[in-house]
All heavy atoms as atom14 arrays in JSON, in Angstrom:
{
  "sequence": "GPNCGIFDLDVVGELNRKCNDLGMDTIETGATIAVAMEGELLE",
  "atom14_mask": [
    [1, 1, 1, 1, 0, 0, 0, 0, 0, 0, 0, 0, 0, 0],
    [1, 1, 1, 1, 1, 1, 1, 0, 0, 0, 0, 0, 0, 0],
    [1, 1, 1, 1, 1, 1, 1, 1, 0, 0, 0, 0, 0, 0],
    [1, 1, 1, 1, 1, 1, 0, 0, 0, 0, 0, 0, 0, 0],
    [1, 1, 1, 1, 0, 0, 0, 0, 0, 0, 0, 0, 0, 0],
    [1, 1, 1, 1, 1, 1, 1, 1, 0, 0, 0, 0, 0, 0],
    [1, 1, 1, 1, 1, 1, 1, 1, 1, 1, 1, 0, 0, 0],
    [1, 1, 1, 1, 1, 1, 1, 1, 0, 0, 0, 0, 0, 0],
    [1, 1, 1, 1, 1, 1, 1, 1, 0, 0, 0, 0, 0, 0],
    [1, 1, 1, 1, 1, 1, 1, 1, 0, 0, 0, 0, 0, 0],
    [1, 1, 1, 1, 1, 1, 1, 0, 0, 0, 0, 0, 0, 0],
    [1, 1, 1, 1, 1, 1, 1, 0, 0, 0, 0, 0, 0, 0],
    [1, 1, 1, 1, 0, 0, 0, 0, 0, 0, 0, 0, 0, 0],
    [1, 1, 1, 1, 1, 1, 1, 1, 1, 0, 0, 0, 0, 0],
    [1, 1, 1, 1, 1, 1, 1, 1, 0, 0, 0, 0, 0, 0],
    [1, 1, 1, 1, 1, 1, 1, 1, 0, 0, 0, 0, 0, 0],
    [1, 1, 1, 1, 1, 1, 1, 1, 1, 1, 1, 0, 0, 0],
    [1, 1, 1, 1, 1, 1, 1, 1, 1, 0, 0, 0, 0, 0],
    [1, 1, 1, 1, 1, 1, 0, 0, 0, 0, 0, 0, 0, 0],
    [1, 1, 1, 1, 1, 1, 1, 1, 0, 0, 0, 0, 0, 0],
    [1, 1, 1, 1, 1, 1, 1, 1, 0, 0, 0, 0, 0, 0],
    [1, 1, 1, 1, 1, 1, 1, 1, 0, 0, 0, 0, 0, 0],
    [1, 1, 1, 1, 0, 0, 0, 0, 0, 0, 0, 0, 0, 0],
    [1, 1, 1, 1, 1, 1, 1, 1, 0, 0, 0, 0, 0, 0],
    [1, 1, 1, 1, 1, 1, 1, 1, 0, 0, 0, 0, 0, 0],
    [1, 1, 1, 1, 1, 1, 1, 0, 0, 0, 0, 0, 0, 0],
    [1, 1, 1, 1, 1, 1, 1, 1, 0, 0, 0, 0, 0, 0],
    [1, 1, 1, 1, 1, 1, 1, 1, 1, 0, 0, 0, 0, 0],
    [1, 1, 1, 1, 1, 1, 1, 0, 0, 0, 0, 0, 0, 0],
    [1, 1, 1, 1, 0, 0, 0, 0, 0, 0, 0, 0, 0, 0],
    [1, 1, 1, 1, 1, 0, 0, 0, 0, 0, 0, 0, 0, 0],
    [1, 1, 1, 1, 1, 1, 1, 0, 0, 0, 0, 0, 0, 0],
    [1, 1, 1, 1, 1, 1, 1, 1, 0, 0, 0, 0, 0, 0],
    [1, 1, 1, 1, 1, 0, 0, 0, 0, 0, 0, 0, 0, 0],
    [1, 1, 1, 1, 1, 1, 1, 0, 0, 0, 0, 0, 0, 0],
    [1, 1, 1, 1, 1, 0, 0, 0, 0, 0, 0, 0, 0, 0],
    [1, 1, 1, 1, 1, 1, 1, 1, 0, 0, 0, 0, 0, 0],
    [1, 1, 1, 1, 1, 1, 1, 1, 1, 0, 0, 0, 0, 0],
    [1, 1, 1, 1, 0, 0, 0, 0, 0, 0, 0, 0, 0, 0],
    [1, 1, 1, 1, 1, 1, 1, 1, 1, 0, 0, 0, 0, 0],
    [1, 1, 1, 1, 1, 1, 1, 1, 0, 0, 0, 0, 0, 0],
    [1, 1, 1, 1, 1, 1, 1, 1, 0, 0, 0, 0, 0, 0],
    [1, 1, 1, 1, 1, 1, 1, 1, 1, 0, 0, 0, 0, 0]
  ],
  "atom14_positions": [
    [[-22.68, -11.37, -1.56], [-22.39, -12.8, -1.83], [-21.17, -13.39, -1.03], [-21.35, -13.59, 0.2], [0.0, 0.0, 0.0], [0.0, 0.0, 0.0], [0.0, 0.0, 0.0], [0.0, 0.0, 0.0], [0.0, 0.0, 0.0], [0.0, 0.0, 0.0], [0.0, 0.0, 0.0], [0.0, 0.0, 0.0], [0.0, 0.0, 0.0], [0.0, 0.0, 0.0]],
    [[-20.03, -13.47, -1.6], [-18.89, -14.16, -0.92], [-18.53, -13.43, 0.43], [-18.16, -14.19, 1.31], [-17.75, -13.96, -1.99], [-18.47, -13.97, -3.29], [-19.71, -13.26, -3.07], [0.0, 0.0, 0.0], [0.0, 0.0, 0.0], [0.0, 0.0, 0.0], [0.0, 0.0, 0.0], [0.0, 0.0, 0.0], [0.0, 0.0, 0.0], [0.0, 0.0, 0.0]],
    [[-18.62, -12.19, 0.46], [-18.3, -11.57, 1.81], [-19.22, -12.03, 2.94], [-18.79, -11.97, 4.14], [-18.31, -10.03, 1.68], [-17.68, -9.36, 2.82], [-16.56, -9.73, 3.26], [-18.25, -8.29, 3.4], [0.0, 0.0, 0.0], [0.0, 0.0, 0.0], [0.0, 0.0, 0.0], [0.0, 0.0, 0.0], [0.0, 0.0, 0.0], [0.0, 0.0, 0.0]],
    [[-20.39, -12.42, 2.59], [-21.31, -12.97, 3.57], [-21.43, -14.53, 3.52], [-22.29, -15.11, 4.21], [-22.74, -12.46, 3.29], [-22.84, -10.64, 3.59], [0.0, 0.0, 0.0], [0.0, 0.0, 0.0], [0.0, 0.0, 0.0], [0.0, 0.0, 0.0], [0.0, 0.0, 0.0], [0.0, 0.0, 0.0], [0.0, 0.0, 0.0], [0.0, 0.0, 0.0]],
    [[-20.53, -15.14, 2.72], [-20.53, -16.57, 2.61], [-21.77, -17.04, 1.81], [-22.21, -18.22, 1.96], [0.0, 0.0, 0.0], [0.0, 0.0, 0.0], [0.0, 0.0, 0.0], [0.0, 0.0, 0.0], [0.0, 0.0, 0.0], [0.0, 0.0, 0.0], [0.0, 0.0, 0.0], [0.0, 0.0, 0.0], [0.0, 0.0, 0.0], [0.0, 0.0, 0.0]],
    [[-22.34, -16.26, 0.94], [-23.45, -16.57, 0.13], [-23.02, -16.75, -1.34], [-22.38, -15.83, -1.89], [-24.53, -15.51, 0.24], [-25.08, -15.45, 1.67], [-25.71, -15.78, -0.75], [-26.02, -14.24, 1.9], [0.0, 0.0, 0.0], [0.0, 0.0, 0.0], [0.0, 0.0, 0.0], [0.0, 0.0, 0.0], [0.0, 0.0, 0.0], [0.0, 0.0, 0.0]],
    [[-23.3, -17.94, -1.92], [-22.83, -18.24, -3.24], [-23.98, -18.62, -4.22], [-23.89, -19.49, -4.97], [-21.71, -19.27, -3.21], [-20.53, -18.87, -2.39], [-20.46, -19.26, -1.03], [-19.49, -18.12, -2.99], [-19.42, -18.79, -0.23], [-18.45, -17.73, -2.26], [-18.34, -18.04, -0.88], [0.0, 0.0, 0.0], [0.0, 0.0, 0.0], [0.0, 0.0, 0.0]],
    [[-25.08, -17.96, -4.0], [-26.32, -18.3, -4.78], [-26.8, -16.97, -5.4], [-27.1, -16.02, -4.74], [-27.4, -18.84, -3.86], [-28.66, -19.22, -4.6], [-29.01, -18.61, -5.6], [-29.35, -20.21, -4.11], [0.0, 0.0, 0.0], [0.0, 0.0, 0.0], [0.0, 0.0, 0.0], [0.0, 0.0, 0.0], [0.0, 0.0, 0.0], [0.0, 0.0, 0.0]],
    [[-26.64, -16.96, -6.77], [-27.04, -15.72, -7.49], [-28.43, -15.24, -7.32], [-28.77, -14.05, -7.31], [-26.71, -15.79, -8.95], [-25.29, -15.62, -9.44], [-25.07, -15.98, -10.83], [-24.89, -14.14, -9.21], [0.0, 0.0, 0.0], [0.0, 0.0, 0.0], [0.0, 0.0, 0.0], [0.0, 0.0, 0.0], [0.0, 0.0, 0.0], [0.0, 0.0, 0.0]],
    [[-29.31, -16.2, -7.06], [-30.76, -15.81, -6.86], [-30.92, -15.09, -5.47], [-31.68, -14.12, -5.4], [-31.65, -17.07, -6.91], [-31.97, -17.37, -8.41], [-32.5, -16.56, -9.16], [-31.7, -18.52, -8.82], [0.0, 0.0, 0.0], [0.0, 0.0, 0.0], [0.0, 0.0, 0.0], [0.0, 0.0, 0.0], [0.0, 0.0, 0.0], [0.0, 0.0, 0.0]],
    [[-30.24, -15.6, -4.46], [-30.28, -14.92, -3.2], [-29.64, -13.59, -3.26], [-30.17, -12.56, -2.75], [-29.62, -15.78, -2.09], [-29.51, -14.98, -0.82], [-30.34, -17.13, -1.92], [0.0, 0.0, 0.0], [0.0, 0.0, 0.0], [0.0, 0.0, 0.0], [0.0, 0.0, 0.0], [0.0, 0.0, 0.0], [0.0, 0.0, 0.0], [0.0, 0.0, 0.0]],
    [[-28.51, -13.52, -3.95], [-27.77, -12.17, -4.09], [-28.65, -11.2, -4.85], [-28.75, -10.03, -4.46], [-26.49, -12.38, -4.85], [-25.81, -11.09, -5.23], [-25.44, -13.2, -4.0], [0.0, 0.0, 0.0], [0.0, 0.0, 0.0], [0.0, 0.0, 0.0], [0.0, 0.0, 0.0], [0.0, 0.0, 0.0], [0.0, 0.0, 0.0], [0.0, 0.0, 0.0]],
    [[-29.37, -11.72, -5.9], [-30.24, -10.87, -6.67], [-31.36, -10.27, -5.82], [-31.75, -9.16, -5.98], [0.0, 0.0, 0.0], [0.0, 0.0, 0.0], [0.0, 0.0, 0.0], [0.0, 0.0, 0.0], [0.0, 0.0, 0.0], [0.0, 0.0, 0.0], [0.0, 0.0, 0.0], [0.0, 0.0, 0.0], [0.0, 0.0, 0.0], [0.0, 0.0, 0.0]],
    [[-31.94, -11.13, -4.95], [-33.02, -10.68, -4.1], [-32.54, -9.65, -3.0], [-33.19, -8.69, -2.69], [-33.81, -11.83, -3.47], [-34.64, -12.6, -4.5], [-35.53, -11.72, -5.36], [-36.36, -11.07, -4.79], [-35.3, -11.64, -6.57], [0.0, 0.0, 0.0], [0.0, 0.0, 0.0], [0.0, 0.0, 0.0], [0.0, 0.0, 0.0], [0.0, 0.0, 0.0]],
    [[-31.39, -9.94, -2.48], [-30.74, -8.94, -1.56], [-30.5, -7.58, -2.21], [-30.77, -6.55, -1.68], [-29.44, -9.53, -1.0], [-29.59, -10.69, -0.04], [-28.21, -11.32, 0.27], [-30.14, -10.15, 1.33], [0.0, 0.0, 0.0], [0.0, 0.0, 0.0], [0.0, 0.0, 0.0], [0.0, 0.0, 0.0], [0.0, 0.0, 0.0], [0.0, 0.0, 0.0]],
    [[-30.0, -7.65, -3.49], [-29.81, -6.46, -4.3], [-31.13, -5.78, -4.59], [-31.21, -4.52, -4.41], [-29.1, -6.8, -5.59], [-28.36, -5.69, -6.24], [-27.26, -5.85, -6.8], [-28.91, -4.46, -6.19], [0.0, 0.0, 0.0], [0.0, 0.0, 0.0], [0.0, 0.0, 0.0], [0.0, 0.0, 0.0], [0.0, 0.0, 0.0], [0.0, 0.0, 0.0]],
    [[-32.14, -6.51, -4.82], [-33.44, -5.94, -5.11], [-33.92, -5.17, -3.89], [-34.44, -4.04, -3.9], [-34.51, -6.96, -5.37], [-35.88, -6.43, -5.74], [-36.97, -7.55, -5.74], [-36.61, -8.61, -6.61], [-36.79, -8.62, -7.92], [-37.27, -7.55, -8.45], [-36.51, -9.64, -8.67], [0.0, 0.0, 0.0], [0.0, 0.0, 0.0], [0.0, 0.0, 0.0]],
    [[-33.78, -5.77, -2.69], [-34.21, -5.11, -1.44], [-33.41, -3.81, -1.21], [-33.95, -2.76, -0.77], [-34.11, -6.0, -0.29], [-35.17, -7.1, -0.23], [-35.25, -7.8, 1.09], [-36.26, -8.97, 1.06], [-37.6, -8.4, 0.9], [0.0, 0.0, 0.0], [0.0, 0.0, 0.0], [0.0, 0.0, 0.0], [0.0, 0.0, 0.0], [0.0, 0.0, 0.0]],
    [[-32.1, -3.86, -1.48], [-31.32, -2.63, -1.34], [-31.82, -1.54, -2.27], [-31.99, -0.35, -1.83], [-29.84, -2.91, -1.6], [-28.98, -3.84, -0.33], [0.0, 0.0, 0.0], [0.0, 0.0, 0.0], [0.0, 0.0, 0.0], [0.0, 0.0, 0.0], [0.0, 0.0, 0.0], [0.0, 0.0, 0.0], [0.0, 0.0, 0.0], [0.0, 0.0, 0.0]],
    [[-32.1, -1.88, -3.49], [-32.6, -0.92, -4.48], [-33.93, -0.38, -4.05], [-34.29, 0.86, -4.18], [-32.76, -1.56, -5.83], [-31.42, -1.84, -6.53], [-30.37, -1.43, -6.11], [-31.5, -2.59, -7.61], [0.0, 0.0, 0.0], [0.0, 0.0, 0.0], [0.0, 0.0, 0.0], [0.0, 0.0, 0.0], [0.0, 0.0, 0.0], [0.0, 0.0, 0.0]],
    [[-34.77, -1.24, -3.52], [-36.07, -0.79, -3.22], [-36.18, 0.07, -1.92], [-36.93, 1.07, -1.84], [-36.97, -2.06, -2.94], [-38.49, -1.78, -3.0], [-38.83, -0.99, -3.87], [-39.24, -2.4, -2.21], [0.0, 0.0, 0.0], [0.0, 0.0, 0.0], [0.0, 0.0, 0.0], [0.0, 0.0, 0.0], [0.0, 0.0, 0.0], [0.0, 0.0, 0.0]],
    [[-35.28, -0.32, -0.91], [-35.27, 0.44, 0.35], [-34.35, 1.74, 0.23], [-34.48, 2.61, 1.07], [-34.67, -0.42, 1.5], [-35.62, -1.59, 1.81], [-34.86, -2.6, 2.64], [-36.82, -1.1, 2.65], [0.0, 0.0, 0.0], [0.0, 0.0, 0.0], [0.0, 0.0, 0.0], [0.0, 0.0, 0.0], [0.0, 0.0, 0.0], [0.0, 0.0, 0.0]],
    [[-33.52, 1.8, -0.79], [-32.59, 2.88, -0.98], [-31.32, 2.73, -0.16], [-30.88, 3.75, 0.52], [0.0, 0.0, 0.0], [0.0, 0.0, 0.0], [0.0, 0.0, 0.0], [0.0, 0.0, 0.0], [0.0, 0.0, 0.0], [0.0, 0.0, 0.0], [0.0, 0.0, 0.0], [0.0, 0.0, 0.0], [0.0, 0.0, 0.0], [0.0, 0.0, 0.0]],
    [[-30.66, 1.56, -0.28], [-29.51, 1.35, 0.59], [-28.32, 1.02, -0.31], [-28.43, 0.41, -1.35], [-29.76, 0.18, 1.55], [-30.87, 0.4, 2.54], [-31.36, -0.98, 3.52], [-29.86, -1.19, 4.51], [0.0, 0.0, 0.0], [0.0, 0.0, 0.0], [0.0, 0.0, 0.0], [0.0, 0.0, 0.0], [0.0, 0.0, 0.0], [0.0, 0.0, 0.0]],
    [[-27.13, 1.44, 0.1], [-25.86, 1.16, -0.53], [-25.55, -0.33, -0.44], [-25.42, -0.79, 0.66], [-24.81, 2.04, 0.08], [-23.38, 1.69, -0.41], [-23.3, 1.24, -1.55], [-22.4, 1.94, 0.28], [0.0, 0.0, 0.0], [0.0, 0.0, 0.0], [0.0, 0.0, 0.0], [0.0, 0.0, 0.0], [0.0, 0.0, 0.0], [0.0, 0.0, 0.0]],
    [[-25.41, -1.03, -1.54], [-25.13, -2.42, -1.46], [-23.76, -2.77, -0.87], [-23.68, -3.81, -0.18], [-25.19, -3.08, -2.9], [-24.28, -2.33, -3.77], [-26.62, -2.99, -3.45], [0.0, 0.0, 0.0], [0.0, 0.0, 0.0], [0.0, 0.0, 0.0], [0.0, 0.0, 0.0], [0.0, 0.0, 0.0], [0.0, 0.0, 0.0], [0.0, 0.0, 0.0]],
    [[-22.81, -1.95, -1.09], [-21.47, -2.27, -0.45], [-21.51, -2.11, 1.02], [-21.14, -3.1, 1.78], [-20.34, -1.3, -0.99], [-20.18, -1.5, -2.56], [-19.01, -1.54, -0.34], [-19.2, -0.49, -3.18], [0.0, 0.0, 0.0], [0.0, 0.0, 0.0], [0.0, 0.0, 0.0], [0.0, 0.0, 0.0], [0.0, 0.0, 0.0], [0.0, 0.0, 0.0]],
    [[-22.04, -1.04, 1.53], [-22.13, -0.9, 3.0], [-23.06, -1.9, 3.54], [-22.8, -2.48, 4.66], [-22.58, 0.5, 3.35], [-22.4, 0.92, 4.76], [-20.95, 1.15, 5.11], [-20.21, 1.8, 4.29], [-20.51, 0.74, 6.23], [0.0, 0.0, 0.0], [0.0, 0.0, 0.0], [0.0, 0.0, 0.0], [0.0, 0.0, 0.0], [0.0, 0.0, 0.0]],
    [[-24.16, -2.28, 2.87], [-25.08, -3.24, 3.37], [-24.4, -4.58, 3.48], [-24.58, -5.34, 4.51], [-26.34, -3.31, 2.44], [-27.01, -2.05, 2.49], [-27.36, -4.39, 2.92], [0.0, 0.0, 0.0], [0.0, 0.0, 0.0], [0.0, 0.0, 0.0], [0.0, 0.0, 0.0], [0.0, 0.0, 0.0], [0.0, 0.0, 0.0], [0.0, 0.0, 0.0]],
    [[-23.74, -4.98, 2.42], [-23.14, -6.29, 2.46], [-22.05, -6.44, 3.59], [-21.89, -7.43, 4.32], [0.0, 0.0, 0.0], [0.0, 0.0, 0.0], [0.0, 0.0, 0.0], [0.0, 0.0, 0.0], [0.0, 0.0, 0.0], [0.0, 0.0, 0.0], [0.0, 0.0, 0.0], [0.0, 0.0, 0.0], [0.0, 0.0, 0.0], [0.0, 0.0, 0.0]],
    [[-21.31, -5.3, 3.73], [-20.23, -5.33, 4.75], [-20.89, -5.34, 6.19], [-20.39, -6.02, 7.06], [-19.41, -4.09, 4.67], [0.0, 0.0, 0.0], [0.0, 0.0, 0.0], [0.0, 0.0, 0.0], [0.0, 0.0, 0.0], [0.0, 0.0, 0.0], [0.0, 0.0, 0.0], [0.0, 0.0, 0.0], [0.0, 0.0, 0.0], [0.0, 0.0, 0.0]],
    [[-22.0, -4.65, 6.3], [-22.72, -4.68, 7.63], [-23.32, -5.99, 7.93], [-23.2, -6.46, 9.09], [-23.83, -3.59, 7.57], [-23.23, -2.36, 7.17], [-24.43, -3.42, 8.93], [0.0, 0.0, 0.0], [0.0, 0.0, 0.0], [0.0, 0.0, 0.0], [0.0, 0.0, 0.0], [0.0, 0.0, 0.0], [0.0, 0.0, 0.0], [0.0, 0.0, 0.0]],
    [[-23.93, -6.68, 6.94], [-24.41, -8.02, 7.17], [-23.3, -8.97, 7.6], [-23.39, -9.8, 8.52], [-25.19, -8.55, 5.97], [-26.48, -7.75, 5.67], [-25.54, -10.0, 6.06], [-27.15, -8.02, 4.38], [0.0, 0.0, 0.0], [0.0, 0.0, 0.0], [0.0, 0.0, 0.0], [0.0, 0.0, 0.0], [0.0, 0.0, 0.0], [0.0, 0.0, 0.0]],
    [[-22.2, -8.84, 6.91], [-21.04, -9.75, 7.17], [-20.53, -9.5, 8.63], [-20.16, -10.46, 9.41], [-19.89, -9.49, 6.23], [0.0, 0.0, 0.0], [0.0, 0.0, 0.0], [0.0, 0.0, 0.0], [0.0, 0.0, 0.0], [0.0, 0.0, 0.0], [0.0, 0.0, 0.0], [0.0, 0.0, 0.0], [0.0, 0.0, 0.0], [0.0, 0.0, 0.0]],
    [[-20.5, -8.24, 9.01], [-20.09, -7.92, 10.43], [-21.09, -8.5, 11.36], [-20.82, -9.04, 12.46], [-19.85, -6.43, 10.57], [-19.82, -6.04, 12.08], [-18.65, -5.95, 9.83], [0.0, 0.0, 0.0], [0.0, 0.0, 0.0], [0.0, 0.0, 0.0], [0.0, 0.0, 0.0], [0.0, 0.0, 0.0], [0.0, 0.0, 0.0], [0.0, 0.0, 0.0]],
    [[-22.39, -8.33, 11.08], [-23.43, -8.96, 11.95], [-23.34, -10.42, 11.95], [-23.62, -11.06, 13.02], [-24.84, -8.54, 11.37], [0.0, 0.0, 0.0], [0.0, 0.0, 0.0], [0.0, 0.0, 0.0], [0.0, 0.0, 0.0], [0.0, 0.0, 0.0], [0.0, 0.0, 0.0], [0.0, 0.0, 0.0], [0.0, 0.0, 0.0], [0.0, 0.0, 0.0]],
    [[-22.91, -11.07, 10.93], [-22.74, -12.57, 10.91], [-21.54, -12.88, 11.86], [-21.61, -13.87, 12.55], [-22.48, -13.02, 9.56], [-23.65, -13.01, 8.61], [-23.28, -13.39, 6.91], [-24.99, -13.73, 6.25], [0.0, 0.0, 0.0], [0.0, 0.0, 0.0], [0.0, 0.0, 0.0], [0.0, 0.0, 0.0], [0.0, 0.0, 0.0], [0.0, 0.0, 0.0]],
    [[-20.48, -12.15, 11.75], [-19.33, -12.35, 12.58], [-19.79, -12.08, 14.11], [-19.22, -12.79, 15.04], [-18.21, -11.42, 12.32], [-16.98, -11.71, 13.19], [-15.67, -11.61, 12.42], [-15.59, -11.9, 11.22], [-14.66, -11.29, 13.05], [0.0, 0.0, 0.0], [0.0, 0.0, 0.0], [0.0, 0.0, 0.0], [0.0, 0.0, 0.0], [0.0, 0.0, 0.0]],
    [[-20.76, -11.17, 14.33], [-21.21, -10.94, 15.72], [-22.31, -11.88, 16.09], [-22.91, -11.68, 17.13], [0.0, 0.0, 0.0], [0.0, 0.0, 0.0], [0.0, 0.0, 0.0], [0.0, 0.0, 0.0], [0.0, 0.0, 0.0], [0.0, 0.0, 0.0], [0.0, 0.0, 0.0], [0.0, 0.0, 0.0], [0.0, 0.0, 0.0], [0.0, 0.0, 0.0]],
    [[-22.58, -12.94, 15.32], [-23.52, -14.04, 15.58], [-25.02, -13.56, 15.68], [-25.76, -14.14, 16.32], [-23.08, -14.73, 16.84], [-21.69, -15.34, 16.75], [-21.28, -16.12, 18.02], [-22.0, -16.09, 18.95], [-20.24, -16.84, 17.94], [0.0, 0.0, 0.0], [0.0, 0.0, 0.0], [0.0, 0.0, 0.0], [0.0, 0.0, 0.0], [0.0, 0.0, 0.0]],
    [[-25.26, -12.45, 14.99], [-26.64, -12.07, 14.86], [-27.37, -12.97, 13.88], [-28.59, -13.2, 14.07], [-26.7, -10.56, 14.41], [-28.09, -9.95, 14.4], [-28.57, -9.79, 15.89], [-28.1, -8.56, 13.73], [0.0, 0.0, 0.0], [0.0, 0.0, 0.0], [0.0, 0.0, 0.0], [0.0, 0.0, 0.0], [0.0, 0.0, 0.0], [0.0, 0.0, 0.0]],
    [[-26.61, -13.54, 12.92], [-27.07, -14.5, 11.99], [-25.82, -15.24, 11.53], [-24.66, -14.87, 11.84], [-27.84, -13.91, 10.8], [-27.15, -12.97, 9.78], [-28.01, -12.74, 8.56], [-26.93, -11.55, 10.5], [0.0, 0.0, 0.0], [0.0, 0.0, 0.0], [0.0, 0.0, 0.0], [0.0, 0.0, 0.0], [0.0, 0.0, 0.0], [0.0, 0.0, 0.0]],
    [[-25.99, -16.34, 10.81], [-24.88, -17.23, 10.42], [-24.39, -16.85, 9.06], [-25.18, -16.53, 8.13], [-25.28, -18.63, 10.58], [-25.55, -19.23, 11.92], [-25.94, -20.64, 11.89], [-25.93, -21.26, 10.79], [-26.21, -21.18, 13.02], [0.0, 0.0, 0.0], [0.0, 0.0, 0.0], [0.0, 0.0, 0.0], [0.0, 0.0, 0.0], [0.0, 0.0, 0.0]]
  ]
}
């Protein structure tokens, strides 16, 4: 959420669902998405 500039619980919930389903650590995933955002892979 906030670390990626996302403030919508439904979006956060679906991101969490994908992490659970794929078998990914939510902390590392969120940090990685935020770094990718800073690297302009997405906004």
